Every structure is written in structure tokens, then in C-alpha cells.
Amino acid sequence: MNLFAGIEGGGTKFICALGNGHGEIYERISVPTTTPKETIAQIIKFLRSHKHEGELKAIGIGSFGPIDNDPESKNYGQITATPKPGWLHYNIVETFKHAFQVPVGFETDVATAALGEYEWGSAQGLKNFLYMTVGTGIGAAAMINGQLVRGMCSAEMGHLLIPHDKIVDPFQGICPYHGDCLEGMASGEAIKMRWQVRSALDLPASHTAWDLEANYLAAGLMNIILILSPQRIILGGGVMKQMHLFEKIRERVVQKLNGYVPTPEILDDIDHYIVAPGLADRSGVAGAIALARRTYEQEKK
């Protein structure tokens, strides 16, 4: 039996799982994100000791970023401009290739989550869609014609510039690069800083924070709809566990587009256009396994 390993590398924790590449997961582990030496050592130990009853064929990695995922780049496989101590320019791909001598696929964490949703979640049967995660930060990945979109580097749609009325919301934003970009104003960290709470989930559904949040996210999504015209938008991440937020975002997307995109998906069926992940919290690690399977199949050609 062919085994595939999926690694979801986040800023807080790494999740690693072994599966068959068809949606079934056999074993999984979660370890804190500390230093590369500590965290990666635990993942390697797990993979070496939990091989189920099959042969490991490939590894897929979805990592926090920014990353260099261009196979033609001399820095391919690196986590690049991260402020996390010890991870700057760390080549995670080379580490796992050296440890296991198998093909290794490499994408952003949000791109692998999108791949998981494409294979087994809310994007099944679609060729074009957007996956956005709204958590500690904001990231997004697009799939066009069944392929993850790649460019000169990983896409950073979480840093779109959005309208900011400083009278209504005097908060300056938290992004160290852009201040009041989408992530700077609407990420989980921005909510915590603006409202001085331990977690965005501590705020009740009636709090004014959620109207503000929906307005910012809708502005970002409007831009993406006009650029990519996705068949569906999937919103995941910790902030989106406030399920009442979906209705607010849908309403504001329709308002902001103002009839300019007169498709049935927008005008008549917005509830099925902007949706939650079908795989819930498993999107990332399931997508990393799917990436491993795809990488293996490409290497065989």
C-alpha cells in the first residue's frame, strides 16, 4: 500500500498525518512550533515510527510563510521573510528530502487547505475557487482550471489594501509592512489588539466588532471576485468559527458589488457561494496529503 505524509506547518503548531492519498488518514500528530530543530525532529520521529502497513511514497508540506515555492528558484523550499526565531531561510524541503529520500511537495498552508477542499471538501467538482483563512493572520489561495495559482512567489491576498474610515475606526492596523491592509485590520490578532481581548472568540455575537469585521472582509472579497471571478469562496480559520459572521459578510459582498456581477451565484444563491470549509479543521493536513500524492504522480511521469 502506498502511504503519503501530509505536514501542515503553522505558526503555533505543526500537524503531521499519514494517509492513503484518497481521503483516509491513519495516524496523526500535533506538536508545538518552537525551533526547527525541536519541531521537525518530532515530525521525523513520528514518520519513522508510524508507517502503518505500507511504504512512504512522498511528503506534502503546507507551511506558514512567506515561502519560496518556485521549483526553479535557488531558494526553493525555504521559509523566507518570517519573524519567527530560527525559521528565517530555513529549508524545510531539503530537510525532509534528506531524511526520507522521497519526493516532497511544497506550498503555503492556505494553498494546501485549498487543495484539501478541492479533493474532499466544499470545492469538490469545481475548477475555479478561492480559499481564505481568517485566523492569526489572513491568507488566501486560488485554484484556476484545477491548478493552484503560482506566480513569482506565494500569493499574499491577505495584504490587499482596503477602505479604512479612520473616523469610524481609528485603529491603525497591526501589519508591520502595510499598517491597515486587510490582515492589519481584520485578522484575529487585529481583533484582539483593537478590542483588548484574549481571543476574537471571546467577543459576543452582538458586539459591534463583527459588523466592522464583516465590512473589511467583504471589501477584500469584492476585490478578489472582480479579479479572479471564482465559482465559490471558502472561508476558514479561527475567526470564521463565529458562524454568524458568514451572513454579515454575504450581505455586505452583495451590497458592495451593487449588481455589477449579475450572476445567479451572487444575486440568488449567495449562501452557497460564500461557505465554510467542508473538512472543517482537517483541510490543511488533508490537502498536504493530496499534495504528496500529486507530487508522487508527477515524479512518476
C-alpha atoms as a PDB file:
ATOM      1  CA  MET A   1       0.000   0.000   0.000  1.00  0.00           C
ATOM      2  CA  ASN A   2       1.213   3.476  -0.870  1.00  0.00           C
ATOM      3  CA  LEU A   3       1.482   5.868   2.062  1.00  0.00           C
ATOM      4  CA  PHE A   4       1.598   9.652   1.837  1.00  0.00           C
ATOM      5  CA  ALA A   5       2.575  12.075   4.576  1.00  0.00           C
ATOM      6  CA  GLY A   6       0.988  15.489   4.942  1.00  0.00           C
ATOM      7  CA  ILE A   7       2.507  18.246   7.073  1.00  0.00           C
ATOM      8  CA  GLU A   8       0.565  21.386   7.969  1.00  0.00           C
ATOM      9  CA  GLY A   9       3.108  23.828   9.364  1.00  0.00           C
ATOM     10  CA  GLY A  10       1.529  26.674  11.276  1.00  0.00           C
ATOM     11  CA  GLY A  11       2.928  29.461  13.374  1.00  0.00           C
ATOM     12  CA  THR A  12       1.559  27.863  16.545  1.00  0.00           C
ATOM     13  CA  LYS A  13       1.682  24.146  15.785  1.00  0.00           C
ATOM     14  CA  PHE A  14       2.684  21.556  13.197  1.00  0.00           C
ATOM     15  CA  ILE A  15       0.251  18.786  12.301  1.00  0.00           C
ATOM     16  CA  CYS A  16       1.518  15.699  10.503  1.00  0.00           C
ATOM     17  CA  ALA A  17      -0.595  12.812   9.226  1.00  0.00           C
ATOM     18  CA  LEU A  18      -0.191   9.605   7.250  1.00  0.00           C
ATOM     19  CA  GLY A  19      -2.871   8.598   4.770  1.00  0.00           C
ATOM     20  CA  ASN A  20      -3.564   6.725   1.561  1.00  0.00           C
ATOM     21  CA  GLY A  21      -3.975   9.783  -0.659  1.00  0.00           C
ATOM     22  CA  HIS A  22      -7.706   9.148  -1.142  1.00  0.00           C
ATOM     23  CA  GLY A  23      -9.041  10.921   1.926  1.00  0.00           C
ATOM     24  CA  GLU A  24      -8.345   8.300   4.577  1.00  0.00           C
ATOM     25  CA  ILE A  25      -5.989   9.281   7.421  1.00  0.00           C
ATOM     26  CA  TYR A  26      -4.386   6.555   9.542  1.00  0.00           C
ATOM     27  CA  GLU A  27      -2.149   8.326  12.052  1.00  0.00           C
ATOM     28  CA  ARG A  28      -1.583  11.961  13.047  1.00  0.00           C
ATOM     29  CA  ILE A  29       0.395  14.062  15.499  1.00  0.00           C
ATOM     30  CA  SER A  30       0.356  17.690  16.599  1.00  0.00           C
ATOM     31  CA  VAL A  31       3.464  19.370  18.030  1.00  0.00           C
ATOM     32  CA  PRO A  32       4.148  22.987  19.080  1.00  0.00           C
ATOM     33  CA  THR A  33       6.004  25.263  16.675  1.00  0.00           C
ATOM     34  CA  THR A  34       9.154  26.138  18.582  1.00  0.00           C
ATOM     35  CA  THR A  35      12.511  25.941  16.775  1.00  0.00           C
ATOM     36  CA  PRO A  36      13.105  23.966  13.570  1.00  0.00           C
ATOM     37  CA  LYS A  37      15.438  21.623  15.432  1.00  0.00           C
ATOM     38  CA  GLU A  38      12.830  20.713  18.050  1.00  0.00           C
ATOM     39  CA  THR A  39       9.686  20.748  15.928  1.00  0.00           C
ATOM     40  CA  ILE A  40      10.986  18.991  12.822  1.00  0.00           C
ATOM     41  CA  ALA A  41      12.774  16.350  14.902  1.00  0.00           C
ATOM     42  CA  GLN A  42       9.439  15.329  16.405  1.00  0.00           C
ATOM     43  CA  ILE A  43       7.792  15.130  12.982  1.00  0.00           C
ATOM     44  CA  ILE A  44      10.620  12.989  11.580  1.00  0.00           C
ATOM     45  CA  LYS A  45      10.465  10.695  14.612  1.00  0.00           C
ATOM     46  CA  PHE A  46       6.696  10.299  14.140  1.00  0.00           C
ATOM     47  CA  LEU A  47       7.027   9.408  10.462  1.00  0.00           C
ATOM     48  CA  ARG A  48       9.766   6.881  11.132  1.00  0.00           C
ATOM     49  CA  SER A  49       7.825   5.151  13.903  1.00  0.00           C
ATOM     50  CA  HIS A  50       4.304   5.210  12.396  1.00  0.00           C
ATOM     51  CA  LYS A  51       4.458   3.681   8.973  1.00  0.00           C
ATOM     52  CA  HIS A  52       1.180   1.779   9.355  1.00  0.00           C
ATOM     53  CA  GLU A  53       1.423  -1.107   6.871  1.00  0.00           C
ATOM     54  CA  GLY A  54       2.753   0.464   3.742  1.00  0.00           C
ATOM     55  CA  GLU A  55       5.585   2.326   2.110  1.00  0.00           C
ATOM     56  CA  LEU A  56       6.025   6.092   2.338  1.00  0.00           C
ATOM     57  CA  LYS A  57       5.996   7.387  -1.240  1.00  0.00           C
ATOM     58  CA  ALA A  58       6.003  11.171  -0.849  1.00  0.00           C
ATOM     59  CA  ILE A  59       5.575  14.051   1.573  1.00  0.00           C
ATOM     60  CA  GLY A  60       3.472  17.169   1.112  1.00  0.00           C
ATOM     61  CA  ILE A  61       4.192  20.285   3.153  1.00  0.00           C
ATOM     62  CA  GLY A  62       1.909  23.268   3.596  1.00  0.00           C
ATOM     63  CA  SER A  63       3.854  25.871   5.539  1.00  0.00           C
ATOM     64  CA  PHE A  64       3.310  29.238   7.136  1.00  0.00           C
ATOM     65  CA  GLY A  65       5.028  31.878   5.106  1.00  0.00           C
ATOM     66  CA  PRO A  66       6.143  33.713   3.232  1.00  0.00           C
ATOM     67  CA  ILE A  67       7.797  30.804   1.419  1.00  0.00           C
ATOM     68  CA  ASP A  68       9.685  30.215  -1.819  1.00  0.00           C
ATOM     69  CA  ASN A  69       7.622  27.592  -3.669  1.00  0.00           C
ATOM     70  CA  ASP A  70       9.120  28.149  -7.119  1.00  0.00           C
ATOM     71  CA  PRO A  71      10.940  24.914  -8.072  1.00  0.00           C
ATOM     72  CA  GLU A  72      13.183  26.932 -10.404  1.00  0.00           C
ATOM     73  CA  SER A  73      14.372  29.236  -7.631  1.00  0.00           C
ATOM     74  CA  LYS A  74      17.718  28.737  -5.888  1.00  0.00           C
ATOM     75  CA  ASN A  75      15.855  29.307  -2.608  1.00  0.00           C
ATOM     76  CA  TYR A  76      13.114  26.777  -3.310  1.00  0.00           C
ATOM     77  CA  GLY A  77      11.897  25.083  -0.161  1.00  0.00           C
ATOM     78  CA  GLN A  78      12.736  27.933   2.174  1.00  0.00           C
ATOM     79  CA  ILE A  79      10.568  29.771   4.656  1.00  0.00           C
ATOM     80  CA  THR A  80      11.643  33.284   3.795  1.00  0.00           C
ATOM     81  CA  ALA A  81      10.714  36.593   5.472  1.00  0.00           C
ATOM     82  CA  THR A  82       9.270  35.252   8.698  1.00  0.00           C
ATOM     83  CA  PRO A  83       9.842  36.943  12.067  1.00  0.00           C
ATOM     84  CA  LYS A  84       9.689  33.561  13.853  1.00  0.00           C
ATOM     85  CA  PRO A  85      13.062  32.934  15.530  1.00  0.00           C
ATOM     86  CA  GLY A  86      15.111  30.230  13.835  1.00  0.00           C
ATOM     87  CA  TRP A  87      12.839  29.794  10.811  1.00  0.00           C
ATOM     88  CA  LEU A  88      14.144  32.603   8.598  1.00  0.00           C
ATOM     89  CA  HIS A  89      15.558  30.987   5.411  1.00  0.00           C
ATOM     90  CA  TYR A  90      15.085  27.519   6.884  1.00  0.00           C
ATOM     91  CA  ASN A  91      14.874  24.977   4.031  1.00  0.00           C
ATOM     92  CA  ILE A  92      12.188  22.588   5.192  1.00  0.00           C
ATOM     93  CA  VAL A  93      12.030  20.744   1.859  1.00  0.00           C
ATOM     94  CA  GLU A  94      15.705  19.783   1.884  1.00  0.00           C
ATOM     95  CA  THR A  95      15.388  18.601   5.483  1.00  0.00           C
ATOM     96  CA  PHE A  96      12.667  16.081   4.648  1.00  0.00           C
ATOM     97  CA  LYS A  97      14.237  15.013   1.354  1.00  0.00           C
ATOM     98  CA  HIS A  98      17.446  14.216   3.203  1.00  0.00           C
ATOM     99  CA  ALA A  99      15.619  12.357   5.977  1.00  0.00           C
ATOM    100  CA  PHE A 100      13.388  10.151   3.792  1.00  0.00           C
ATOM    101  CA  GLN A 101      14.726  10.187   0.216  1.00  0.00           C
ATOM    102  CA  VAL A 102      11.232  10.654  -1.260  1.00  0.00           C
ATOM    103  CA  PRO A 103       9.647  13.432  -3.362  1.00  0.00           C
ATOM    104  CA  VAL A 104       8.486  16.440  -1.339  1.00  0.00           C
ATOM    105  CA  GLY A 105       5.749  18.853  -2.440  1.00  0.00           C
ATOM    106  CA  PHE A 106       5.777  22.376  -1.028  1.00  0.00           C
ATOM    107  CA  GLU A 107       3.062  25.028  -0.856  1.00  0.00           C
ATOM    108  CA  THR A 108       1.719  27.606   1.554  1.00  0.00           C
ATOM    109  CA  ASP A 109      -0.502  26.331   4.354  1.00  0.00           C
ATOM    110  CA  VAL A 110      -3.527  28.048   2.832  1.00  0.00           C
ATOM    111  CA  ALA A 111      -2.801  26.547  -0.610  1.00  0.00           C
ATOM    112  CA  THR A 112      -2.771  23.029   0.786  1.00  0.00           C
ATOM    113  CA  ALA A 113      -6.024  23.750   2.640  1.00  0.00           C
ATOM    114  CA  ALA A 114      -7.493  24.795  -0.710  1.00  0.00           C
ATOM    115  CA  LEU A 115      -6.271  21.546  -2.237  1.00  0.00           C
ATOM    116  CA  GLY A 116      -7.921  19.565   0.555  1.00  0.00           C
ATOM    117  CA  GLU A 117     -11.222  21.335  -0.055  1.00  0.00           C
ATOM    118  CA  TYR A 118     -10.891  20.687  -3.800  1.00  0.00           C
ATOM    119  CA  GLU A 119     -10.343  16.973  -3.303  1.00  0.00           C
ATOM    120  CA  TRP A 120     -12.789  16.203  -0.479  1.00  0.00           C
ATOM    121  CA  GLY A 121     -14.492  19.362   0.795  1.00  0.00           C
ATOM    122  CA  SER A 122     -16.595  22.342  -0.250  1.00  0.00           C
ATOM    123  CA  ALA A 123     -14.883  22.804  -3.629  1.00  0.00           C
ATOM    124  CA  GLN A 124     -15.476  19.304  -4.994  1.00  0.00           C
ATOM    125  CA  GLY A 125     -16.496  19.411  -8.659  1.00  0.00           C
ATOM    126  CA  LEU A 126     -15.261  22.984  -9.160  1.00  0.00           C
ATOM    127  CA  LYS A 127     -12.376  24.159 -11.310  1.00  0.00           C
ATOM    128  CA  ASN A 128     -12.130  27.737 -10.031  1.00  0.00           C
ATOM    129  CA  PHE A 129     -12.470  28.829  -6.400  1.00  0.00           C
ATOM    130  CA  LEU A 130     -10.880  30.794  -3.596  1.00  0.00           C
ATOM    131  CA  TYR A 131      -9.938  29.573  -0.128  1.00  0.00           C
ATOM    132  CA  MET A 132      -9.286  32.227   2.500  1.00  0.00           C
ATOM    133  CA  THR A 133      -8.267  31.634   6.086  1.00  0.00           C
ATOM    134  CA  VAL A 134      -9.029  34.292   8.678  1.00  0.00           C
ATOM    135  CA  GLY A 135      -7.089  33.469  11.791  1.00  0.00           C
ATOM    136  CA  THR A 136      -3.996  34.865  13.474  1.00  0.00           C
ATOM    137  CA  GLY A 137      -3.266  36.327  10.038  1.00  0.00           C
ATOM    138  CA  ILE A 138      -5.174  36.294   6.754  1.00  0.00           C
ATOM    139  CA  GLY A 139      -4.083  34.231   3.777  1.00  0.00           C
ATOM    140  CA  ALA A 140      -5.743  33.089   0.582  1.00  0.00           C
ATOM    141  CA  ALA A 141      -5.141  30.703  -2.281  1.00  0.00           C
ATOM    142  CA  ALA A 142      -6.856  30.415  -5.631  1.00  0.00           C
ATOM    143  CA  MET A 143      -7.358  27.454  -7.915  1.00  0.00           C
ATOM    144  CA  ILE A 144      -7.925  28.113 -11.609  1.00  0.00           C
ATOM    145  CA  ASN A 145      -8.724  25.295 -14.032  1.00  0.00           C
ATOM    146  CA  GLY A 146      -7.940  22.744 -11.339  1.00  0.00           C
ATOM    147  CA  GLN A 147      -4.455  24.081 -10.619  1.00  0.00           C
ATOM    148  CA  LEU A 148      -3.223  26.162  -7.692  1.00  0.00           C
ATOM    149  CA  VAL A 149      -2.221  29.612  -8.917  1.00  0.00           C
ATOM    150  CA  ARG A 150       1.509  30.296  -8.717  1.00  0.00           C
ATOM    151  CA  GLY A 151       3.458  33.369  -9.637  1.00  0.00           C
ATOM    152  CA  MET A 152       6.870  34.833  -8.895  1.00  0.00           C
ATOM    153  CA  CYS A 153       6.257  33.971  -5.225  1.00  0.00           C
ATOM    154  CA  SER A 154       3.411  32.864  -2.994  1.00  0.00           C
ATOM    155  CA  ALA A 155       0.268  34.982  -3.325  1.00  0.00           C
ATOM    156  CA  GLU A 156      -0.417  37.300  -0.366  1.00  0.00           C
ATOM    157  CA  MET A 157      -4.061  38.318  -0.795  1.00  0.00           C
ATOM    158  CA  GLY A 158      -4.332  38.913   2.935  1.00  0.00           C
ATOM    159  CA  HIS A 159      -2.402  42.140   2.379  1.00  0.00           C
ATOM    160  CA  LEU A 160      -4.845  43.763  -0.025  1.00  0.00           C
ATOM    161  CA  LEU A 161      -5.393  47.435   0.708  1.00  0.00           C
ATOM    162  CA  ILE A 162      -8.989  48.124   1.723  1.00  0.00           C
ATOM    163  CA  PRO A 163     -11.011  51.269   2.503  1.00  0.00           C
ATOM    164  CA  HIS A 164     -10.400  52.473   6.064  1.00  0.00           C
ATOM    165  CA  ASP A 165     -12.602  55.181   7.541  1.00  0.00           C
ATOM    166  CA  LYS A 166     -10.434  56.401  10.416  1.00  0.00           C
ATOM    167  CA  ILE A 167     -13.311  58.327  11.972  1.00  0.00           C
ATOM    168  CA  VAL A 168     -15.477  55.221  12.248  1.00  0.00           C
ATOM    169  CA  ASP A 169     -12.496  53.026  13.138  1.00  0.00           C
ATOM    170  CA  PRO A 170      -9.426  54.918  14.418  1.00  0.00           C
ATOM    171  CA  PHE A 171      -7.477  51.661  14.875  1.00  0.00           C
ATOM    172  CA  GLN A 172      -4.251  51.959  12.865  1.00  0.00           C
ATOM    173  CA  GLY A 173      -3.835  48.278  11.989  1.00  0.00           C
ATOM    174  CA  ILE A 174      -1.167  45.809  13.032  1.00  0.00           C
ATOM    175  CA  CYS A 175       0.602  44.836   9.828  1.00  0.00           C
ATOM    176  CA  PRO A 176       4.290  45.740  10.251  1.00  0.00           C
ATOM    177  CA  TYR A 177       4.570  46.314   6.491  1.00  0.00           C
ATOM    178  CA  HIS A 178       1.293  47.974   5.474  1.00  0.00           C
ATOM    179  CA  GLY A 179      -0.465  49.004   8.672  1.00  0.00           C
ATOM    180  CA  ASP A 180      -4.141  48.938   7.740  1.00  0.00           C
ATOM    181  CA  CYS A 181      -4.213  46.320   4.986  1.00  0.00           C
ATOM    182  CA  LEU A 182      -6.803  43.521   5.195  1.00  0.00           C
ATOM    183  CA  GLU A 183      -4.702  41.429   7.590  1.00  0.00           C
ATOM    184  CA  GLY A 184      -3.763  44.517   9.567  1.00  0.00           C
ATOM    185  CA  MET A 185      -7.424  45.348  10.168  1.00  0.00           C
ATOM    186  CA  ALA A 186      -9.353  42.068  10.111  1.00  0.00           C
ATOM    187  CA  SER A 187      -7.080  39.253  11.324  1.00  0.00           C
ATOM    188  CA  GLY A 188      -7.591  37.572  14.673  1.00  0.00           C
ATOM    189  CA  GLU A 189      -4.601  39.469  16.045  1.00  0.00           C
ATOM    190  CA  ALA A 190      -6.083  42.765  14.855  1.00  0.00           C
ATOM    191  CA  ILE A 191      -9.363  41.982  16.619  1.00  0.00           C
ATOM    192  CA  LYS A 192      -7.513  41.125  19.816  1.00  0.00           C
ATOM    193  CA  MET A 193      -5.479  44.330  19.708  1.00  0.00           C
ATOM    194  CA  ARG A 194      -8.383  46.610  18.762  1.00  0.00           C
ATOM    195  CA  TRP A 195     -10.771  45.304  21.417  1.00  0.00           C
ATOM    196  CA  GLN A 196      -8.188  44.239  24.026  1.00  0.00           C
ATOM    197  CA  VAL A 197      -9.396  40.631  24.392  1.00  0.00           C
ATOM    198  CA  ARG A 198      -7.520  37.337  24.707  1.00  0.00           C
ATOM    199  CA  SER A 199      -9.268  35.856  21.664  1.00  0.00           C
ATOM    200  CA  ALA A 200     -11.623  37.055  18.953  1.00  0.00           C
ATOM    201  CA  LEU A 201     -13.947  34.265  20.032  1.00  0.00           C
ATOM    202  CA  ASP A 202     -14.364  35.982  23.421  1.00  0.00           C
ATOM    203  CA  LEU A 203     -16.495  38.696  21.812  1.00  0.00           C
ATOM    204  CA  PRO A 204     -20.280  38.029  21.838  1.00  0.00           C
ATOM    205  CA  ALA A 205     -22.179  37.802  18.558  1.00  0.00           C
ATOM    206  CA  SER A 206     -23.888  41.117  19.329  1.00  0.00           C
ATOM    207  CA  HIS A 207     -20.588  43.032  19.600  1.00  0.00           C
ATOM    208  CA  THR A 208     -20.013  45.842  17.117  1.00  0.00           C
ATOM    209  CA  ALA A 209     -16.700  44.209  16.216  1.00  0.00           C
ATOM    210  CA  TRP A 210     -18.437  41.767  13.912  1.00  0.00           C
ATOM    211  CA  ASP A 211     -20.091  44.412  11.738  1.00  0.00           C
ATOM    212  CA  LEU A 212     -16.696  46.042  11.317  1.00  0.00           C
ATOM    213  CA  GLU A 213     -15.058  42.675  10.605  1.00  0.00           C
ATOM    214  CA  ALA A 214     -17.665  41.735   8.007  1.00  0.00           C
ATOM    215  CA  ASN A 215     -17.232  45.068   6.254  1.00  0.00           C
ATOM    216  CA  TYR A 216     -13.460  44.671   5.938  1.00  0.00           C
ATOM    217  CA  LEU A 217     -13.622  41.057   4.799  1.00  0.00           C
ATOM    218  CA  ALA A 218     -16.358  41.874   2.276  1.00  0.00           C
ATOM    219  CA  ALA A 219     -14.195  44.665   0.829  1.00  0.00           C
ATOM    220  CA  GLY A 220     -11.315  42.248   0.349  1.00  0.00           C
ATOM    221  CA  LEU A 221     -13.564  39.596  -1.161  1.00  0.00           C
ATOM    222  CA  MET A 222     -15.121  42.093  -3.565  1.00  0.00           C
ATOM    223  CA  ASN A 223     -11.663  42.855  -4.970  1.00  0.00           C
ATOM    224  CA  ILE A 224     -10.893  39.167  -5.369  1.00  0.00           C
ATOM    225  CA  ILE A 225     -14.259  38.436  -7.017  1.00  0.00           C
ATOM    226  CA  LEU A 226     -13.615  41.183  -9.562  1.00  0.00           C
ATOM    227  CA  ILE A 227     -10.103  39.896 -10.310  1.00  0.00           C
ATOM    228  CA  LEU A 228     -10.500  36.110 -10.276  1.00  0.00           C
ATOM    229  CA  SER A 229     -14.251  35.527 -10.644  1.00  0.00           C
ATOM    230  CA  PRO A 230     -14.165  32.352  -8.510  1.00  0.00           C
ATOM    231  CA  GLN A 231     -17.038  29.883  -8.689  1.00  0.00           C
ATOM    232  CA  ARG A 232     -17.076  29.688  -4.881  1.00  0.00           C
ATOM    233  CA  ILE A 233     -15.382  31.290  -1.889  1.00  0.00           C
ATOM    234  CA  ILE A 234     -14.489  29.180   1.149  1.00  0.00           C
ATOM    235  CA  LEU A 235     -13.720  30.967   4.414  1.00  0.00           C
ATOM    236  CA  GLY A 236     -11.853  29.061   7.119  1.00  0.00           C
ATOM    237  CA  GLY A 237      -9.695  29.860  10.127  1.00  0.00           C
ATOM    238  CA  GLY A 238     -10.376  30.520  13.782  1.00  0.00           C
ATOM    239  CA  VAL A 239     -12.202  33.842  13.323  1.00  0.00           C
ATOM    240  CA  MET A 240     -14.701  32.214  10.959  1.00  0.00           C
ATOM    241  CA  LYS A 241     -15.807  29.850  13.728  1.00  0.00           C
ATOM    242  CA  GLN A 242     -18.125  32.718  14.576  1.00  0.00           C
ATOM    243  CA  MET A 243     -20.714  31.293  12.182  1.00  0.00           C
ATOM    244  CA  HIS A 244     -22.986  34.355  12.400  1.00  0.00           C
ATOM    245  CA  LEU A 245     -20.221  36.233  10.569  1.00  0.00           C
ATOM    246  CA  PHE A 246     -20.993  34.433   7.304  1.00  0.00           C
ATOM    247  CA  GLU A 247     -24.404  36.062   6.917  1.00  0.00           C
ATOM    248  CA  LYS A 248     -22.970  39.515   7.582  1.00  0.00           C
ATOM    249  CA  ILE A 249     -20.191  39.002   5.015  1.00  0.00           C
ATOM    250  CA  ARG A 250     -22.603  37.698   2.379  1.00  0.00           C
ATOM    251  CA  GLU A 251     -24.892  40.694   2.808  1.00  0.00           C
ATOM    252  CA  ARG A 252     -22.045  43.169   2.510  1.00  0.00           C
ATOM    253  CA  VAL A 253     -20.496  41.481  -0.530  1.00  0.00           C
ATOM    254  CA  VAL A 254     -23.824  41.806  -2.354  1.00  0.00           C
ATOM    255  CA  GLN A 255     -24.136  45.434  -1.246  1.00  0.00           C
ATOM    256  CA  LYS A 256     -20.608  46.360  -2.314  1.00  0.00           C
ATOM    257  CA  LEU A 257     -20.866  44.691  -5.721  1.00  0.00           C
ATOM    258  CA  ASN A 258     -24.149  46.577  -6.191  1.00  0.00           C
ATOM    259  CA  GLY A 259     -25.352  44.444  -9.090  1.00  0.00           C
ATOM    260  CA  TYR A 260     -22.146  44.783 -11.098  1.00  0.00           C
ATOM    261  CA  VAL A 261     -21.612  40.993 -11.141  1.00  0.00           C
ATOM    262  CA  PRO A 262     -25.160  39.852 -12.011  1.00  0.00           C
ATOM    263  CA  THR A 263     -24.590  36.118 -11.707  1.00  0.00           C
ATOM    264  CA  PRO A 264     -27.040  33.711 -10.041  1.00  0.00           C
ATOM    265  CA  GLU A 265     -24.299  32.739  -7.565  1.00  0.00           C
ATOM    266  CA  ILE A 266     -24.143  36.319  -6.264  1.00  0.00           C
ATOM    267  CA  LEU A 267     -27.728  37.502  -6.672  1.00  0.00           C
ATOM    268  CA  ASP A 268     -29.733  34.353  -5.945  1.00  0.00           C
ATOM    269  CA  ASP A 269     -27.544  31.836  -4.139  1.00  0.00           C
ATOM    270  CA  ILE A 270     -25.012  33.746  -2.065  1.00  0.00           C
ATOM    271  CA  ASP A 271     -25.486  31.287   0.835  1.00  0.00           C
ATOM    272  CA  HIS A 272     -23.880  28.596  -1.321  1.00  0.00           C
ATOM    273  CA  TYR A 273     -21.297  30.935  -2.817  1.00  0.00           C
ATOM    274  CA  ILE A 274     -19.541  32.058   0.368  1.00  0.00           C
ATOM    275  CA  VAL A 275     -19.283  28.968   2.549  1.00  0.00           C
ATOM    276  CA  ALA A 276     -17.402  27.260   5.374  1.00  0.00           C
ATOM    277  CA  PRO A 277     -14.810  24.523   4.725  1.00  0.00           C
ATOM    278  CA  GLY A 278     -16.329  21.104   4.201  1.00  0.00           C
ATOM    279  CA  LEU A 279     -13.401  19.487   6.028  1.00  0.00           C
ATOM    280  CA  ALA A 280     -13.510  21.902   8.997  1.00  0.00           C
ATOM    281  CA  ASP A 281     -10.093  21.858  10.725  1.00  0.00           C
ATOM    282  CA  ARG A 282      -8.797  18.971   8.575  1.00  0.00           C
ATOM    283  CA  SER A 283      -8.494  20.951   5.335  1.00  0.00           C
ATOM    284  CA  GLY A 284      -4.793  21.736   5.724  1.00  0.00           C
ATOM    285  CA  VAL A 285      -3.405  18.351   6.639  1.00  0.00           C
ATOM    286  CA  ALA A 286      -5.726  16.532   4.204  1.00  0.00           C
ATOM    287  CA  GLY A 287      -4.596  18.892   1.464  1.00  0.00           C
ATOM    288  CA  ALA A 288      -0.950  18.273   2.339  1.00  0.00           C
ATOM    289  CA  ILE A 289      -1.550  14.553   1.823  1.00  0.00           C
ATOM    290  CA  ALA A 290      -3.211  15.317  -1.514  1.00  0.00           C
ATOM    291  CA  LEU A 291      -0.170  17.419  -2.425  1.00  0.00           C
ATOM    292  CA  ALA A 292       2.098  14.480  -1.556  1.00  0.00           C
ATOM    293  CA  ARG A 293       0.069  12.195  -3.816  1.00  0.00           C
ATOM    294  CA  ARG A 294       0.152  14.714  -6.676  1.00  0.00           C
ATOM    295  CA  THR A 295       3.902  15.177  -6.257  1.00  0.00           C
ATOM    296  CA  TYR A 296       4.450  11.430  -6.378  1.00  0.00           C
ATOM    297  CA  GLU A 297       2.325  11.039  -9.507  1.00  0.00           C
ATOM    298  CA  GLN A 298       4.201  13.882 -11.241  1.00  0.00           C
ATOM    299  CA  GLU A 299       7.574  12.312 -10.372  1.00  0.00           C
ATOM    300  CA  LYS A 300       6.446   9.019 -11.933  1.00  0.00           C
ATOM    301  CA  LYS A 301       5.689  10.636 -15.299  1.00  0.00           C
END
